[in-house]
N, C-alpha and C. Protein backbone atom coordinates (compact mmCIF):
# COMPACT_ATOMS: atom_id res chain seq x y z
N MET A 1 10.22 9.70 16.79
CA MET A 1 9.27 8.64 16.66
C MET A 1 8.21 9.05 15.67
N ALA A 2 7.84 8.21 14.66
CA ALA A 2 6.64 8.48 13.67
C ALA A 2 5.68 7.28 13.76
N THR A 3 4.45 7.54 13.58
CA THR A 3 3.41 6.62 13.46
C THR A 3 3.10 6.59 11.88
N TYR A 4 3.06 5.29 11.35
CA TYR A 4 2.77 5.12 9.81
C TYR A 4 1.67 4.14 9.70
N GLN A 5 0.99 4.22 8.52
CA GLN A 5 0.03 3.34 7.98
C GLN A 5 0.08 3.05 6.67
N ILE A 6 -0.36 1.91 6.05
CA ILE A 6 -0.18 1.66 4.83
C ILE A 6 -1.69 1.61 4.19
N LEU A 7 -1.89 2.16 3.06
CA LEU A 7 -3.16 2.10 2.43
C LEU A 7 -3.00 0.78 1.40
N PHE A 8 -4.10 0.01 1.64
CA PHE A 8 -4.12 -1.25 0.68
C PHE A 8 -5.48 -1.27 -0.18
N TRP A 9 -5.38 -1.97 -1.35
CA TRP A 9 -6.62 -2.42 -1.99
C TRP A 9 -6.59 -3.87 -1.75
N GLN A 10 -7.44 -4.39 -0.98
CA GLN A 10 -7.36 -5.80 -0.46
C GLN A 10 -6.02 -5.94 0.27
N GLU A 11 -5.14 -6.71 -0.14
CA GLU A 11 -3.80 -6.97 0.25
C GLU A 11 -2.73 -6.30 -0.36
N ILE A 12 -3.07 -5.52 -1.29
CA ILE A 12 -2.04 -5.01 -2.15
C ILE A 12 -1.73 -3.49 -1.76
N PRO A 13 -0.58 -3.13 -1.32
CA PRO A 13 -0.25 -1.90 -0.82
C PRO A 13 -0.23 -0.96 -1.95
N SER A 14 -0.62 0.35 -1.58
CA SER A 14 -0.66 1.29 -2.52
C SER A 14 -0.01 2.69 -2.22
N LEU A 15 -0.02 2.95 -0.79
CA LEU A 15 0.48 4.22 -0.35
C LEU A 15 0.88 4.20 1.09
N VAL A 16 1.95 4.92 1.48
CA VAL A 16 2.44 4.87 2.86
C VAL A 16 2.30 6.27 3.39
N GLU A 17 1.84 6.36 4.61
CA GLU A 17 1.61 7.58 5.31
C GLU A 17 2.36 7.55 6.65
N ALA A 18 3.00 8.56 6.90
CA ALA A 18 3.67 8.68 8.20
C ALA A 18 3.33 10.06 8.94
N ARG A 19 3.33 9.97 10.11
CA ARG A 19 2.93 11.28 10.90
C ARG A 19 3.76 11.40 12.22
N ASP A 20 4.32 12.64 12.16
CA ASP A 20 5.08 12.88 13.57
C ASP A 20 4.66 14.39 14.01
N SER A 21 5.49 14.85 14.83
CA SER A 21 5.05 16.33 15.37
C SER A 21 5.16 17.30 14.43
N ASP A 22 5.89 17.12 13.23
CA ASP A 22 6.11 18.13 12.23
C ASP A 22 4.95 18.08 11.20
N GLY A 23 4.21 16.83 11.23
CA GLY A 23 3.28 16.78 10.17
C GLY A 23 3.16 15.36 9.59
N VAL A 24 2.49 15.42 8.43
CA VAL A 24 2.16 14.06 7.68
C VAL A 24 2.89 14.18 6.46
N GLU A 25 3.60 12.92 6.15
CA GLU A 25 4.42 12.75 4.83
C GLU A 25 3.58 11.42 4.21
N LYS A 26 3.47 11.52 2.91
CA LYS A 26 2.91 10.41 2.11
C LYS A 26 3.75 10.05 0.91
N VAL A 27 3.83 8.73 0.69
CA VAL A 27 4.65 8.21 -0.56
C VAL A 27 3.82 7.33 -1.22
N GLN A 28 3.36 7.67 -2.59
CA GLN A 28 2.44 6.84 -3.38
C GLN A 28 3.60 5.76 -3.92
N LEU A 29 3.16 4.48 -3.95
CA LEU A 29 4.05 3.49 -4.41
C LEU A 29 4.11 3.59 -5.90
N SER A 30 5.06 2.88 -6.63
CA SER A 30 5.26 3.15 -7.96
C SER A 30 4.10 2.55 -8.72
N ASP A 31 3.99 3.01 -9.94
CA ASP A 31 2.72 2.64 -10.88
C ASP A 31 2.62 1.23 -11.12
N LYS A 32 3.63 0.37 -10.83
CA LYS A 32 3.49 -1.14 -11.02
C LYS A 32 2.51 -1.61 -9.87
N PHE A 33 2.41 -0.96 -8.77
CA PHE A 33 1.42 -1.32 -7.73
C PHE A 33 -0.08 -1.04 -8.18
N GLN A 34 -0.24 0.01 -8.69
CA GLN A 34 -1.51 0.40 -9.33
C GLN A 34 -1.96 -0.60 -10.32
N ALA A 35 -0.86 -0.96 -11.22
CA ALA A 35 -1.28 -1.77 -12.30
C ALA A 35 -1.57 -3.22 -11.75
N LEU A 36 -0.85 -3.66 -10.71
CA LEU A 36 -1.17 -4.86 -10.12
C LEU A 36 -2.49 -4.87 -9.42
N ILE A 37 -3.06 -3.75 -8.74
CA ILE A 37 -4.33 -3.56 -8.24
C ILE A 37 -5.34 -3.68 -9.26
N ASP A 38 -5.04 -3.03 -10.48
CA ASP A 38 -6.21 -2.96 -11.47
C ASP A 38 -6.23 -4.45 -12.17
N GLU A 39 -5.08 -5.24 -12.23
CA GLU A 39 -5.20 -6.57 -12.71
C GLU A 39 -6.00 -7.50 -11.83
N ALA A 40 -5.66 -7.40 -10.61
CA ALA A 40 -6.22 -8.13 -9.53
C ALA A 40 -7.67 -7.83 -9.43
N ALA A 41 -8.12 -6.59 -9.55
CA ALA A 41 -9.52 -6.26 -9.53
C ALA A 41 -10.31 -6.94 -10.64
N MET A 42 -9.68 -6.93 -11.92
CA MET A 42 -10.36 -7.43 -13.05
C MET A 42 -10.40 -8.95 -12.89
N ARG A 43 -9.50 -9.66 -12.46
CA ARG A 43 -9.54 -10.97 -12.22
C ARG A 43 -10.37 -11.35 -11.23
N ARG A 44 -10.66 -10.51 -10.24
CA ARG A 44 -11.54 -10.85 -9.10
C ARG A 44 -13.05 -10.25 -9.30
N ASP A 45 -13.22 -9.75 -10.58
CA ASP A 45 -14.55 -9.16 -10.82
C ASP A 45 -15.00 -8.00 -10.10
N PHE A 46 -14.02 -7.17 -9.72
CA PHE A 46 -14.26 -5.95 -8.95
C PHE A 46 -14.11 -4.65 -9.80
N ALA A 47 -13.62 -4.73 -10.98
CA ALA A 47 -13.40 -3.54 -11.84
C ALA A 47 -14.60 -2.89 -12.14
N GLY A 48 -14.51 -1.63 -12.03
CA GLY A 48 -15.69 -0.74 -12.28
C GLY A 48 -16.89 -0.96 -11.47
N THR A 49 -16.70 -1.45 -10.23
CA THR A 49 -17.90 -1.62 -9.37
C THR A 49 -17.81 -0.78 -8.11
N ASP A 50 -18.89 -0.59 -7.44
CA ASP A 50 -18.77 0.04 -6.10
C ASP A 50 -17.97 -0.86 -5.04
N ALA A 51 -18.00 -2.12 -5.39
CA ALA A 51 -17.24 -3.00 -4.35
C ALA A 51 -15.82 -2.77 -4.49
N TYR A 52 -15.30 -2.30 -5.74
CA TYR A 52 -13.88 -2.03 -5.72
C TYR A 52 -13.39 -0.94 -4.78
N ILE A 53 -14.33 0.15 -4.69
CA ILE A 53 -14.01 1.25 -3.80
C ILE A 53 -13.96 0.66 -2.35
N GLU A 54 -14.89 -0.16 -2.04
CA GLU A 54 -15.08 -0.57 -0.80
C GLU A 54 -13.85 -1.53 -0.27
N GLU A 55 -13.09 -2.18 -1.21
CA GLU A 55 -12.03 -2.87 -0.83
C GLU A 55 -10.63 -2.07 -0.35
N TRP A 56 -10.73 -0.78 -0.48
CA TRP A 56 -9.73 0.17 0.03
C TRP A 56 -9.66 0.17 1.50
N ASN A 57 -8.66 -0.06 2.23
CA ASN A 57 -8.51 0.06 3.59
C ASN A 57 -7.11 0.41 4.00
N LYS A 58 -7.04 0.91 5.23
CA LYS A 58 -5.73 1.33 5.93
C LYS A 58 -5.37 0.25 6.88
N GLY A 59 -4.02 -0.22 6.84
CA GLY A 59 -3.62 -1.23 7.76
C GLY A 59 -3.54 -0.55 9.11
N PRO A 60 -3.04 -1.54 10.08
CA PRO A 60 -2.95 -0.85 11.40
C PRO A 60 -1.88 0.13 11.58
N LYS A 61 -1.97 1.02 12.56
CA LYS A 61 -1.01 2.08 12.85
C LYS A 61 0.22 1.38 13.48
N ALA A 62 1.56 1.74 13.03
CA ALA A 62 2.67 1.15 13.72
C ALA A 62 3.52 2.32 14.02
N GLU A 63 4.58 2.18 14.89
CA GLU A 63 5.53 3.18 15.12
C GLU A 63 6.82 2.74 14.78
N LYS A 64 7.76 3.72 14.40
CA LYS A 64 9.07 3.50 14.17
C LYS A 64 9.90 4.63 14.42
N ASP A 65 11.15 4.50 14.75
CA ASP A 65 12.04 5.59 15.25
C ASP A 65 12.41 6.18 13.85
N GLY A 66 12.42 7.61 14.10
CA GLY A 66 12.88 8.45 12.89
C GLY A 66 11.79 9.56 12.61
N SER A 67 12.04 10.54 11.85
CA SER A 67 11.09 11.48 11.22
C SER A 67 10.11 10.86 10.31
N ALA A 68 8.92 11.44 10.14
CA ALA A 68 7.84 11.04 9.37
C ALA A 68 8.51 10.89 8.02
N ALA A 69 9.25 11.83 7.42
CA ALA A 69 9.94 11.70 6.17
C ALA A 69 10.80 10.59 5.99
N ALA A 70 11.66 10.23 6.91
CA ALA A 70 12.48 9.28 6.83
C ALA A 70 11.71 7.87 6.97
N VAL A 71 10.81 7.83 7.79
CA VAL A 71 10.13 6.51 8.06
C VAL A 71 9.27 6.19 6.82
N VAL A 72 8.49 7.14 6.17
CA VAL A 72 7.71 6.99 5.04
C VAL A 72 8.34 6.49 3.89
N GLN A 73 9.77 7.06 3.71
CA GLN A 73 10.49 6.45 2.54
C GLN A 73 10.97 5.13 2.93
N GLU A 74 11.46 4.93 4.08
CA GLU A 74 11.99 3.45 4.45
C GLU A 74 10.90 2.38 4.26
N ILE A 75 9.81 2.79 4.74
CA ILE A 75 8.73 1.74 4.59
C ILE A 75 8.34 1.57 3.18
N ALA A 76 8.34 2.64 2.43
CA ALA A 76 7.97 2.55 0.87
C ALA A 76 8.95 1.72 0.20
N ASP A 77 10.32 1.99 0.51
CA ASP A 77 11.33 1.40 -0.07
C ASP A 77 11.37 -0.16 0.29
N GLU A 78 11.03 -0.53 1.48
CA GLU A 78 10.83 -1.88 1.90
C GLU A 78 9.76 -2.71 1.06
N ILE A 79 8.57 -2.02 0.84
CA ILE A 79 7.56 -2.41 0.07
C ILE A 79 7.85 -2.79 -1.30
N GLU A 80 8.55 -1.69 -1.94
CA GLU A 80 9.04 -1.80 -3.36
C GLU A 80 9.95 -2.95 -3.48
N ALA A 81 10.85 -3.22 -2.65
CA ALA A 81 11.73 -4.30 -2.71
C ALA A 81 11.08 -5.54 -2.73
N ARG A 82 9.79 -5.69 -2.24
CA ARG A 82 9.19 -6.92 -2.08
C ARG A 82 8.13 -7.13 -3.16
N PHE A 83 8.17 -6.25 -4.19
CA PHE A 83 7.14 -6.22 -5.31
C PHE A 83 6.89 -7.55 -5.85
N ALA A 84 7.76 -8.22 -6.33
CA ALA A 84 7.63 -9.55 -6.94
C ALA A 84 6.99 -10.55 -5.99
N GLU A 85 7.22 -10.55 -4.74
CA GLU A 85 6.65 -11.50 -3.87
C GLU A 85 5.20 -11.05 -3.66
N ILE A 86 4.89 -9.77 -3.69
CA ILE A 86 3.38 -9.21 -3.38
C ILE A 86 2.80 -9.52 -4.66
N ARG A 87 3.39 -9.38 -5.87
CA ARG A 87 2.70 -9.70 -7.07
C ARG A 87 2.26 -11.09 -7.23
N ASP A 88 3.26 -12.00 -7.04
CA ASP A 88 2.99 -13.33 -7.06
C ASP A 88 1.80 -13.79 -6.17
N GLU A 89 1.83 -13.44 -5.00
CA GLU A 89 0.86 -13.73 -3.93
C GLU A 89 -0.58 -13.19 -4.39
N ALA A 90 -0.54 -11.94 -4.78
CA ALA A 90 -1.75 -11.38 -5.30
C ALA A 90 -2.50 -12.05 -6.56
N LEU A 91 -1.51 -12.49 -7.47
CA LEU A 91 -2.02 -13.08 -8.87
C LEU A 91 -2.48 -14.59 -8.40
N ALA A 92 -1.82 -15.16 -7.50
CA ALA A 92 -2.09 -16.59 -7.09
C ALA A 92 -3.61 -16.58 -6.47
N LYS A 93 -3.82 -15.50 -5.56
CA LYS A 93 -5.08 -15.41 -5.00
C LYS A 93 -6.13 -15.08 -5.93
N SER A 94 -5.78 -14.51 -7.21
CA SER A 94 -6.80 -14.08 -8.14
C SER A 94 -7.14 -15.21 -9.07
N ASP A 95 -6.49 -16.32 -9.12
CA ASP A 95 -6.71 -17.49 -9.98
C ASP A 95 -7.90 -18.16 -9.51
């Protein structure tokens, strides 16, 4: 059993972290997520401000069967597969 959390900038995911008895595993999402965060920040007038940094937060902890390494990769893959949906929602919110 592993416990995982997702790091977000506002509602846009950036990193997945999982922990089990063997330690912590992290997976940074692909560069397209950071590009989306940057674009949303500019559209929302957060670029280059302290407010930008304040918008980073971790989601709630959740548990999932499997090792931290397996869970972190599974969750990251699920998020990557939803990129178009996440992008569309983020950009719609930015208009």
